[in-house]
Every structure is written in C-alpha cells, then in structure tokens.
C-alpha cells in the first residue's frame, strides 16, 4: 500500500514495466484505487536509518532495496523474527525522499477478519497508465 496517490501510481507503473511481458494478453493499465485507514501494531519503520542498523546494518540502505533478493530477504526476516505485522518501507520510486513510503503488510500475522484492523475504505478513483 502506498502513502499517497502519486506513490501508488509510480509503484504501479514500475511493476507493470518490470513484471508484465508483451506476450501476455494485455497489460493491466487501468485499476481502481482505494484509500484505507488501518490500525496496525507493531509496524517496523524502515524509513528510519536506525532501523537499518538494528537489522544488522543493511549496507547502502535504502538503495539496497532496489535489489529484489535483499528486499525479499529483509521482509522474510522481519516477518519471521519480529512481532511486526507490517513494515513501512521507502518507496523505490522515490528513494531520495524517505517521507515517501509504502506499507508492506504481513496478512498472515493479522486476524482473519480485516474489519478488526481496516477502519475505513473509500474509493479514491482510477489509476490510468498510458
């Protein structure tokens, strides 16, 4: 989940460019966006340099998160070794600005009924790429 619509659009476009291949039946260029209010606790904040040090001194953070293997390994470690139910992470689309972030939620660590942590959902319009 993205902190704001600009991050959502940038991350969505980045994933389309990276993850979809021309031989597939059309790229998903239009999607509905929703604004969620959530209550999650605890959340590990990887937008704070002290958190990088606490995780064993991630080298070259936040740029190291551009390496998919490092990003996935970090998420796996946080999921398995900490009580965190989510991570606030720097947006890869805006690595030079740690106030621009995305939220990685570990759904397997949350109750089955999302109404216990999602407090509101509103339609935020469409994302249109291209």
N, C-alpha and C. Protein backbone atom coordinates (compact mmCIF):
# COMPACT_ATOMS: atom_id res chain seq x y z
N UNK A 1 0.84 -1.17 0.00
CA UNK A 1 0.00 0.00 0.00
C UNK A 1 0.89 1.23 0.00
N UNK A 2 0.44 2.27 -0.67
CA UNK A 2 1.24 3.49 -0.82
C UNK A 2 0.71 4.59 0.09
N UNK A 3 1.62 5.47 0.50
CA UNK A 3 1.26 6.57 1.38
C UNK A 3 0.38 7.61 0.71
N UNK A 4 0.51 7.76 -0.61
CA UNK A 4 -0.31 8.75 -1.31
C UNK A 4 -0.50 8.31 -2.77
N UNK A 5 -1.44 8.94 -3.47
CA UNK A 5 -1.73 8.52 -4.85
C UNK A 5 -0.54 8.58 -5.79
N UNK A 6 0.33 9.57 -5.66
CA UNK A 6 1.49 9.66 -6.55
C UNK A 6 2.41 8.45 -6.39
N UNK A 7 2.60 8.01 -5.16
CA UNK A 7 3.43 6.83 -4.92
C UNK A 7 2.74 5.59 -5.49
N UNK A 8 1.43 5.48 -5.29
CA UNK A 8 0.69 4.33 -5.83
C UNK A 8 0.85 4.25 -7.34
N UNK A 9 0.72 5.39 -8.01
CA UNK A 9 0.84 5.40 -9.48
C UNK A 9 2.26 5.06 -9.91
N UNK A 10 3.25 5.64 -9.25
CA UNK A 10 4.65 5.38 -9.61
C UNK A 10 5.01 3.92 -9.39
N UNK A 11 4.59 3.35 -8.28
CA UNK A 11 4.91 1.95 -7.99
C UNK A 11 4.15 1.02 -8.94
N UNK A 12 2.91 1.35 -9.22
CA UNK A 12 2.11 0.54 -10.15
C UNK A 12 2.76 0.52 -11.54
N UNK A 13 3.15 1.69 -12.02
CA UNK A 13 3.79 1.79 -13.34
C UNK A 13 5.11 1.02 -13.35
N UNK A 14 5.87 1.11 -12.26
CA UNK A 14 7.15 0.41 -12.17
C UNK A 14 6.94 -1.10 -12.24
N UNK A 15 5.92 -1.60 -11.57
CA UNK A 15 5.66 -3.05 -11.59
C UNK A 15 5.14 -3.51 -12.95
N UNK A 16 4.36 -2.70 -13.62
CA UNK A 16 3.90 -3.07 -14.96
C UNK A 16 5.10 -3.21 -15.89
N UNK A 17 5.99 -2.21 -15.84
CA UNK A 17 7.17 -2.26 -16.70
C UNK A 17 8.04 -3.47 -16.39
N UNK A 18 8.15 -3.83 -15.12
CA UNK A 18 9.05 -4.90 -14.72
C UNK A 18 8.42 -6.29 -14.84
N UNK A 19 7.12 -6.41 -14.51
CA UNK A 19 6.51 -7.74 -14.31
C UNK A 19 5.66 -8.26 -15.45
N UNK A 20 5.26 -7.41 -16.40
CA UNK A 20 4.38 -7.88 -17.46
C UNK A 20 5.14 -8.00 -18.78
N UNK A 21 4.84 -9.04 -19.51
CA UNK A 21 5.55 -9.33 -20.76
C UNK A 21 4.63 -9.11 -21.95
N UNK A 22 5.17 -8.69 -23.08
CA UNK A 22 4.37 -8.38 -24.27
C UNK A 22 3.54 -9.56 -24.77
N UNK A 23 3.98 -10.79 -24.49
CA UNK A 23 3.25 -11.95 -25.00
C UNK A 23 2.01 -12.28 -24.16
N UNK A 24 1.80 -11.55 -23.05
CA UNK A 24 0.59 -11.77 -22.26
C UNK A 24 -0.58 -11.04 -22.90
N UNK A 25 -1.77 -11.45 -22.55
CA UNK A 25 -2.99 -10.89 -23.15
C UNK A 25 -3.31 -9.53 -22.55
N UNK A 26 -2.56 -8.54 -22.89
CA UNK A 26 -2.86 -7.17 -22.47
C UNK A 26 -2.37 -6.86 -21.07
N UNK A 27 -1.75 -5.71 -20.96
CA UNK A 27 -1.26 -5.27 -19.66
C UNK A 27 -2.37 -4.54 -18.91
N UNK A 28 -2.42 -4.71 -17.59
CA UNK A 28 -3.48 -4.05 -16.80
C UNK A 28 -3.15 -2.57 -16.61
N UNK A 29 -3.63 -1.73 -17.50
CA UNK A 29 -3.27 -0.32 -17.47
C UNK A 29 -4.26 0.56 -16.72
N UNK A 30 -5.35 -0.03 -16.26
CA UNK A 30 -6.37 0.75 -15.55
C UNK A 30 -6.85 -0.05 -14.36
N UNK A 31 -6.77 0.54 -13.20
CA UNK A 31 -7.19 -0.12 -11.96
C UNK A 31 -7.85 0.89 -11.03
N UNK A 32 -8.76 0.40 -10.22
CA UNK A 32 -9.41 1.23 -9.21
C UNK A 32 -8.49 1.34 -8.00
N UNK A 33 -8.44 2.53 -7.42
CA UNK A 33 -7.62 2.78 -6.24
C UNK A 33 -8.54 3.05 -5.05
N UNK A 34 -8.14 2.55 -3.89
CA UNK A 34 -8.91 2.75 -2.66
C UNK A 34 -8.03 3.35 -1.59
N UNK A 35 -8.63 4.17 -0.75
CA UNK A 35 -7.93 4.73 0.41
C UNK A 35 -8.39 3.94 1.63
N UNK A 36 -7.41 3.37 2.33
CA UNK A 36 -7.70 2.57 3.52
C UNK A 36 -7.18 3.28 4.76
N UNK A 37 -7.93 3.22 5.81
CA UNK A 37 -7.43 3.61 7.13
C UNK A 37 -7.30 2.30 7.90
N UNK A 38 -6.13 2.14 8.52
CA UNK A 38 -5.86 0.89 9.20
C UNK A 38 -5.26 1.15 10.57
N UNK A 39 -5.48 0.20 11.47
CA UNK A 39 -4.81 0.21 12.76
C UNK A 39 -3.96 -1.05 12.83
N UNK A 40 -2.65 -0.85 12.72
CA UNK A 40 -1.71 -1.97 12.74
C UNK A 40 -0.67 -1.70 13.82
N UNK A 41 -0.36 -2.73 14.59
CA UNK A 41 0.63 -2.57 15.65
C UNK A 41 1.19 -3.93 16.00
N UNK A 42 2.50 -4.07 16.02
CA UNK A 42 3.54 -3.10 15.73
C UNK A 42 3.92 -3.05 14.24
N UNK A 43 4.45 -1.90 13.84
CA UNK A 43 4.94 -1.70 12.47
C UNK A 43 6.41 -1.31 12.56
N UNK A 44 7.26 -1.99 11.81
CA UNK A 44 8.68 -1.65 11.75
C UNK A 44 8.87 -0.56 10.69
N UNK A 45 9.52 0.52 11.05
CA UNK A 45 9.69 1.66 10.15
C UNK A 45 11.07 1.63 9.50
N UNK A 46 11.14 1.11 8.28
CA UNK A 46 12.41 1.06 7.56
C UNK A 46 12.72 2.36 6.82
N UNK A 47 11.97 3.41 7.11
CA UNK A 47 12.30 4.74 6.59
C UNK A 47 13.19 5.49 7.58
N UNK A 48 13.52 4.83 8.70
CA UNK A 48 14.37 5.42 9.73
C UNK A 48 15.72 4.70 9.69
N UNK A 49 16.80 5.44 9.46
CA UNK A 49 18.11 4.79 9.38
C UNK A 49 18.48 3.92 10.58
N UNK A 50 18.02 4.26 11.78
CA UNK A 50 18.32 3.41 12.95
C UNK A 50 17.76 2.00 12.77
N UNK A 51 16.67 1.86 12.04
CA UNK A 51 16.10 0.53 11.80
C UNK A 51 17.03 -0.29 10.91
N UNK A 52 17.70 0.35 9.97
CA UNK A 52 18.64 -0.37 9.10
C UNK A 52 19.77 -0.94 9.95
N UNK A 53 20.24 -0.15 10.91
CA UNK A 53 21.30 -0.61 11.80
C UNK A 53 20.82 -1.75 12.69
N UNK A 54 19.59 -1.65 13.18
CA UNK A 54 19.04 -2.69 14.04
C UNK A 54 18.89 -4.02 13.31
N UNK A 55 18.75 -3.98 12.01
CA UNK A 55 18.62 -5.21 11.22
C UNK A 55 19.99 -5.72 10.76
N UNK A 56 21.02 -5.35 11.44
CA UNK A 56 22.34 -5.86 11.11
C UNK A 56 23.13 -4.96 10.20
N UNK A 57 22.74 -3.71 10.13
CA UNK A 57 23.50 -2.76 9.32
C UNK A 57 23.37 -2.99 7.84
N UNK A 58 22.15 -2.94 7.32
CA UNK A 58 21.94 -3.09 5.88
C UNK A 58 22.88 -2.15 5.14
N UNK A 59 23.68 -2.69 4.28
CA UNK A 59 24.66 -1.88 3.55
C UNK A 59 23.96 -1.10 2.43
N UNK A 60 24.29 0.18 2.34
CA UNK A 60 23.82 1.05 1.27
C UNK A 60 22.30 1.24 1.29
N UNK A 61 21.68 1.14 2.48
CA UNK A 61 20.24 1.40 2.56
C UNK A 61 20.01 2.89 2.36
N UNK A 62 18.92 3.28 1.75
CA UNK A 62 17.84 2.45 1.25
C UNK A 62 18.05 1.90 -0.16
N UNK A 63 19.16 2.29 -0.82
CA UNK A 63 19.39 1.84 -2.20
C UNK A 63 19.46 0.32 -2.31
N UNK A 64 19.88 -0.36 -1.25
CA UNK A 64 19.99 -1.81 -1.31
C UNK A 64 18.63 -2.47 -1.58
N UNK A 65 17.53 -1.77 -1.27
CA UNK A 65 16.20 -2.34 -1.50
C UNK A 65 15.84 -2.42 -2.99
N UNK A 66 16.65 -1.82 -3.85
CA UNK A 66 16.46 -1.99 -5.29
C UNK A 66 16.79 -3.42 -5.71
N UNK A 67 17.61 -4.10 -4.92
CA UNK A 67 17.96 -5.50 -5.17
C UNK A 67 16.82 -6.36 -4.62
N UNK A 68 16.07 -6.99 -5.52
CA UNK A 68 14.89 -7.76 -5.12
C UNK A 68 15.23 -8.83 -4.08
N UNK A 69 16.37 -9.47 -4.21
CA UNK A 69 16.76 -10.51 -3.25
C UNK A 69 16.94 -9.93 -1.85
N UNK A 70 17.55 -8.76 -1.75
CA UNK A 70 17.74 -8.12 -0.44
C UNK A 70 16.40 -7.67 0.13
N UNK A 71 15.56 -7.08 -0.71
CA UNK A 71 14.25 -6.63 -0.25
C UNK A 71 13.42 -7.81 0.27
N UNK A 72 13.40 -8.90 -0.47
CA UNK A 72 12.63 -10.08 -0.05
C UNK A 72 13.22 -10.72 1.20
N UNK A 73 14.54 -10.80 1.28
CA UNK A 73 15.18 -11.39 2.46
C UNK A 73 14.89 -10.55 3.70
N UNK A 74 14.92 -9.24 3.55
CA UNK A 74 14.61 -8.35 4.67
C UNK A 74 13.17 -8.57 5.13
N UNK A 75 12.24 -8.63 4.20
CA UNK A 75 10.84 -8.86 4.55
C UNK A 75 10.66 -10.22 5.23
N UNK A 76 11.30 -11.26 4.69
CA UNK A 76 11.20 -12.59 5.31
C UNK A 76 11.72 -12.57 6.74
N UNK A 77 12.86 -11.92 6.94
CA UNK A 77 13.45 -11.85 8.28
C UNK A 77 12.51 -11.11 9.23
N UNK A 78 12.02 -9.94 8.82
CA UNK A 78 11.14 -9.16 9.68
C UNK A 78 9.87 -9.95 10.01
N UNK A 79 9.32 -10.61 9.01
CA UNK A 79 8.10 -11.41 9.22
C UNK A 79 8.35 -12.53 10.23
N UNK A 80 9.48 -13.23 10.11
CA UNK A 80 9.74 -14.40 10.94
C UNK A 80 10.33 -14.08 12.31
N UNK A 81 11.15 -13.04 12.40
CA UNK A 81 11.94 -12.82 13.61
C UNK A 81 11.48 -11.66 14.49
N UNK A 82 10.44 -10.94 14.06
CA UNK A 82 9.97 -9.81 14.86
C UNK A 82 8.46 -9.92 15.06
N UNK A 83 7.94 -9.18 16.01
CA UNK A 83 6.48 -9.17 16.19
C UNK A 83 5.76 -8.25 15.20
N UNK A 84 6.51 -7.55 14.33
CA UNK A 84 5.90 -6.59 13.40
C UNK A 84 4.88 -7.27 12.50
N UNK A 85 3.74 -6.61 12.32
CA UNK A 85 2.70 -7.10 11.41
C UNK A 85 2.78 -6.38 10.07
N UNK A 86 3.65 -5.38 9.99
CA UNK A 86 3.83 -4.61 8.75
C UNK A 86 5.17 -3.89 8.82
N UNK A 87 5.61 -3.43 7.63
CA UNK A 87 6.82 -2.61 7.53
C UNK A 87 6.50 -1.38 6.70
N UNK A 88 6.90 -0.23 7.20
CA UNK A 88 6.86 0.99 6.39
C UNK A 88 8.21 1.05 5.71
N UNK A 89 8.20 1.07 4.37
CA UNK A 89 9.45 1.00 3.60
C UNK A 89 9.55 2.19 2.66
N UNK A 90 10.78 2.62 2.36
CA UNK A 90 10.94 3.71 1.39
C UNK A 90 10.37 3.29 0.04
N UNK A 91 9.66 4.19 -0.61
CA UNK A 91 9.18 3.91 -1.95
C UNK A 91 10.36 3.82 -2.90
N UNK A 92 10.45 2.74 -3.63
CA UNK A 92 11.54 2.57 -4.58
C UNK A 92 11.48 3.65 -5.66
N UNK A 93 10.30 4.15 -5.93
CA UNK A 93 10.14 5.21 -6.93
C UNK A 93 10.67 6.56 -6.44
N UNK A 94 10.85 6.70 -5.11
CA UNK A 94 11.30 7.97 -4.53
C UNK A 94 12.36 7.72 -3.45
N UNK A 95 13.37 6.93 -3.76
CA UNK A 95 14.37 6.55 -2.75
C UNK A 95 15.10 7.74 -2.13
N UNK A 96 15.13 8.86 -2.81
CA UNK A 96 15.83 10.03 -2.29
C UNK A 96 15.00 10.80 -1.26
N UNK A 97 13.77 10.35 -1.01
CA UNK A 97 12.88 11.05 -0.08
C UNK A 97 12.23 10.02 0.85
N UNK A 98 12.76 9.89 2.06
CA UNK A 98 12.27 8.87 3.00
C UNK A 98 10.90 9.20 3.57
N UNK A 99 10.35 10.36 3.24
CA UNK A 99 8.97 10.66 3.65
C UNK A 99 7.96 10.06 2.69
N UNK A 100 8.43 9.54 1.55
CA UNK A 100 7.57 8.90 0.55
C UNK A 100 7.70 7.40 0.75
N UNK A 101 6.65 6.74 1.19
CA UNK A 101 6.77 5.35 1.61
C UNK A 101 5.60 4.49 1.15
N UNK A 102 5.84 3.19 1.26
CA UNK A 102 4.82 2.18 1.04
C UNK A 102 4.73 1.32 2.29
N UNK A 103 3.63 0.64 2.44
CA UNK A 103 3.42 -0.22 3.59
C UNK A 103 3.32 -1.66 3.12
N UNK A 104 4.17 -2.51 3.68
CA UNK A 104 4.14 -3.94 3.40
C UNK A 104 3.44 -4.58 4.60
N UNK A 105 2.30 -5.21 4.35
CA UNK A 105 1.51 -5.80 5.43
C UNK A 105 1.64 -7.31 5.37
N UNK A 106 1.93 -7.91 6.51
CA UNK A 106 2.03 -9.37 6.62
C UNK A 106 0.67 -9.92 7.01
N UNK A 107 -0.16 -10.18 6.01
CA UNK A 107 -1.54 -10.61 6.27
C UNK A 107 -1.62 -11.87 7.11
N UNK A 108 -0.62 -12.75 6.98
CA UNK A 108 -0.62 -13.99 7.75
C UNK A 108 -0.43 -13.74 9.25
N UNK A 109 -0.02 -12.54 9.65
CA UNK A 109 0.17 -12.21 11.05
C UNK A 109 -1.01 -11.42 11.63
N UNK A 110 -2.04 -11.22 10.82
CA UNK A 110 -3.21 -10.45 11.23
C UNK A 110 -4.41 -11.36 11.41
N UNK A 111 -5.41 -10.90 12.17
CA UNK A 111 -6.64 -11.68 12.32
C UNK A 111 -7.30 -11.92 10.96
N UNK A 112 -8.06 -13.00 10.84
CA UNK A 112 -8.71 -13.35 9.59
C UNK A 112 -9.75 -12.33 9.14
N UNK A 113 -10.36 -11.63 10.06
CA UNK A 113 -11.40 -10.66 9.72
C UNK A 113 -10.77 -9.28 9.59
N UNK A 114 -10.64 -8.75 8.36
CA UNK A 114 -9.98 -7.45 8.17
C UNK A 114 -10.71 -6.29 8.86
N UNK A 115 -11.96 -6.47 9.22
CA UNK A 115 -12.68 -5.39 9.92
C UNK A 115 -12.05 -5.08 11.28
N UNK A 116 -11.21 -5.99 11.78
CA UNK A 116 -10.56 -5.74 13.06
C UNK A 116 -9.36 -4.79 12.94
N UNK A 117 -8.85 -4.57 11.73
CA UNK A 117 -7.73 -3.65 11.55
C UNK A 117 -7.95 -2.63 10.43
N UNK A 118 -8.85 -2.86 9.50
CA UNK A 118 -9.20 -1.86 8.48
C UNK A 118 -10.38 -1.07 9.03
N UNK A 119 -10.15 0.22 9.30
CA UNK A 119 -11.19 1.02 9.94
C UNK A 119 -12.06 1.78 8.95
N UNK A 120 -11.58 2.00 7.73
CA UNK A 120 -12.43 2.59 6.70
C UNK A 120 -11.84 2.33 5.32
N UNK A 121 -12.71 2.30 4.32
CA UNK A 121 -12.33 2.13 2.92
C UNK A 121 -13.13 3.12 2.11
N UNK A 122 -12.44 3.93 1.29
CA UNK A 122 -13.15 4.86 0.40
C UNK A 122 -12.56 4.74 -1.00
N UNK A 123 -13.40 4.94 -1.98
CA UNK A 123 -12.99 4.91 -3.38
C UNK A 123 -12.14 6.15 -3.65
N UNK A 124 -10.95 5.95 -4.19
CA UNK A 124 -10.04 7.07 -4.48
C UNK A 124 -9.86 7.29 -5.98
N UNK A 125 -10.67 6.64 -6.79
CA UNK A 125 -10.62 6.86 -8.23
C UNK A 125 -9.85 5.78 -8.97
N UNK A 126 -9.57 6.08 -10.23
CA UNK A 126 -8.87 5.14 -11.10
C UNK A 126 -7.42 5.52 -11.30
N UNK A 127 -6.58 4.50 -11.45
CA UNK A 127 -5.21 4.69 -11.92
C UNK A 127 -5.24 4.33 -13.39
N UNK A 128 -4.76 5.23 -14.23
CA UNK A 128 -4.70 5.00 -15.67
C UNK A 128 -3.25 5.21 -16.10
N UNK A 129 -2.65 4.16 -16.66
CA UNK A 129 -1.28 4.24 -17.16
C UNK A 129 -1.33 4.26 -18.68
N UNK A 130 -0.65 5.21 -19.26
CA UNK A 130 -0.57 5.28 -20.72
C UNK A 130 -1.65 6.11 -21.35
